[in-house]
Amino acid sequence: MIADEVDRGEYATPYGALQHHRPSVEDLVRESGARNIDVAFPGYTLGLVNKAVEDGHANDSYSRLIEHFRKQ
């Protein structure tokens, strides 16, 4: 499903949009830090999600994040 979204370049989704997942990623970063668990990876993921939301893609799925890794 994600590959199909990426191939089409259509990332909007009615369910599971980035804006709905962001609080969970924030919780993961906070709770990991509180337990002295390395937050580098979830922190990086949160940064990607925040950037996508700030860029107007709050209603898109995680497949939107592939745009961060595409070569320009």
C-alpha atoms as a PDB file:
ATOM      1  CA  MET A   1       0.000   0.000   0.000  1.00  0.00           C
ATOM      2  CA  ILE A   2       2.772   2.462   0.911  1.00  0.00           C
ATOM      3  CA  ALA A   3       4.727   1.640  -2.246  1.00  0.00           C
ATOM      4  CA  ASP A   4       1.608   2.293  -4.303  1.00  0.00           C
ATOM      5  CA  GLU A   5       1.157   5.699  -2.627  1.00  0.00           C
ATOM      6  CA  VAL A   6       4.784   6.565  -3.331  1.00  0.00           C
ATOM      7  CA  ASP A   7       4.546   5.434  -6.960  1.00  0.00           C
ATOM      8  CA  ARG A   8       1.428   7.566  -7.469  1.00  0.00           C
ATOM      9  CA  GLY A   9       2.773  10.502  -5.469  1.00  0.00           C
ATOM     10  CA  GLU A  10      -0.526  10.617  -3.604  1.00  0.00           C
ATOM     11  CA  TYR A  11      -0.010  10.670   0.130  1.00  0.00           C
ATOM     12  CA  ALA A  12      -3.253  11.990   1.650  1.00  0.00           C
ATOM     13  CA  THR A  13      -5.087   9.465   3.772  1.00  0.00           C
ATOM     14  CA  PRO A  14      -8.357   9.565   5.678  1.00  0.00           C
ATOM     15  CA  TYR A  15      -6.919   7.386   8.454  1.00  0.00           C
ATOM     16  CA  GLY A  16      -3.525   7.314  10.120  1.00  0.00           C
ATOM     17  CA  ALA A  17      -2.369  10.723   8.955  1.00  0.00           C
ATOM     18  CA  LEU A  18       0.864  12.204  10.284  1.00  0.00           C
ATOM     19  CA  GLN A  19      -1.038  14.648  12.481  1.00  0.00           C
ATOM     20  CA  HIS A  20      -2.623  11.685  14.268  1.00  0.00           C
ATOM     21  CA  HIS A  21       0.627   9.771  14.708  1.00  0.00           C
ATOM     22  CA  ARG A  22       2.764  12.694  15.851  1.00  0.00           C
ATOM     23  CA  PRO A  23       1.634  12.535  19.517  1.00  0.00           C
ATOM     24  CA  SER A  24       2.640   8.867  19.655  1.00  0.00           C
ATOM     25  CA  VAL A  25       6.105   9.635  18.325  1.00  0.00           C
ATOM     26  CA  GLU A  26       6.403  12.500  20.827  1.00  0.00           C
ATOM     27  CA  ASP A  27       5.464  10.043  23.599  1.00  0.00           C
ATOM     28  CA  LEU A  28       8.050   7.552  22.362  1.00  0.00           C
ATOM     29  CA  VAL A  29      10.795  10.191  22.452  1.00  0.00           C
ATOM     30  CA  ARG A  30       9.759  11.439  25.900  1.00  0.00           C
ATOM     31  CA  GLU A  31       9.336   8.006  27.474  1.00  0.00           C
ATOM     32  CA  SER A  32      12.540   6.655  25.928  1.00  0.00           C
ATOM     33  CA  GLY A  33      14.501   9.611  27.267  1.00  0.00           C
ATOM     34  CA  ALA A  34      12.963   9.159  30.709  1.00  0.00           C
ATOM     35  CA  ARG A  35      14.181   5.558  30.697  1.00  0.00           C
ATOM     36  CA  ASN A  36      17.658   6.465  29.466  1.00  0.00           C
ATOM     37  CA  ILE A  37      17.046   4.814  26.085  1.00  0.00           C
ATOM     38  CA  ASP A  38      18.731   6.324  23.048  1.00  0.00           C
ATOM     39  CA  VAL A  39      16.290   8.724  21.372  1.00  0.00           C
ATOM     40  CA  ALA A  40      18.327   9.331  18.198  1.00  0.00           C
ATOM     41  CA  PHE A  41      16.124   7.281  15.884  1.00  0.00           C
ATOM     42  CA  PRO A  42      12.698   8.233  17.263  1.00  0.00           C
ATOM     43  CA  GLY A  43      13.920  11.823  17.546  1.00  0.00           C
ATOM     44  CA  TYR A  44      14.954  11.783  13.897  1.00  0.00           C
ATOM     45  CA  THR A  45      11.570  10.337  12.953  1.00  0.00           C
ATOM     46  CA  LEU A  46       9.800  13.020  14.975  1.00  0.00           C
ATOM     47  CA  GLY A  47      11.818  15.666  13.146  1.00  0.00           C
ATOM     48  CA  LEU A  48      10.708  14.276   9.781  1.00  0.00           C
ATOM     49  CA  VAL A  49       7.073  14.146  10.891  1.00  0.00           C
ATOM     50  CA  ASN A  50       7.209  17.685  12.300  1.00  0.00           C
ATOM     51  CA  LYS A  51       8.750  19.032   9.090  1.00  0.00           C
ATOM     52  CA  ALA A  52       6.116  17.340   6.935  1.00  0.00           C
ATOM     53  CA  VAL A  53       3.301  18.692   9.120  1.00  0.00           C
ATOM     54  CA  GLU A  54       4.817  22.191   9.112  1.00  0.00           C
ATOM     55  CA  ASP A  55       5.078  22.003   5.320  1.00  0.00           C
ATOM     56  CA  GLY A  56       1.323  21.437   5.080  1.00  0.00           C
ATOM     57  CA  HIS A  57       1.214  17.643   4.890  1.00  0.00           C
ATOM     58  CA  ALA A  58      -0.544  16.893   8.178  1.00  0.00           C
ATOM     59  CA  ASN A  59      -3.202  14.817   6.408  1.00  0.00           C
ATOM     60  CA  ASP A  60      -0.688  12.625   4.599  1.00  0.00           C
ATOM     61  CA  SER A  61       0.449   9.143   5.563  1.00  0.00           C
ATOM     62  CA  TYR A  62       3.982   8.126   6.509  1.00  0.00           C
ATOM     63  CA  SER A  63       4.637   7.489   2.834  1.00  0.00           C
ATOM     64  CA  ARG A  64       4.992  11.292   2.493  1.00  0.00           C
ATOM     65  CA  LEU A  65       8.319  11.043   4.308  1.00  0.00           C
ATOM     66  CA  ILE A  66       9.893   9.367   1.277  1.00  0.00           C
ATOM     67  CA  GLU A  67      10.063  12.836  -0.268  1.00  0.00           C
ATOM     68  CA  HIS A  68      12.697  13.726   2.329  1.00  0.00           C
ATOM     69  CA  PHE A  69      15.000  11.036   0.923  1.00  0.00           C
ATOM     70  CA  ARG A  70      14.471  11.639  -2.791  1.00  0.00           C
ATOM     71  CA  LYS A  71      17.457  13.101  -4.603  1.00  0.00           C
ATOM     72  CA  GLN A  72      16.694  16.511  -6.010  1.00  0.00           C
END
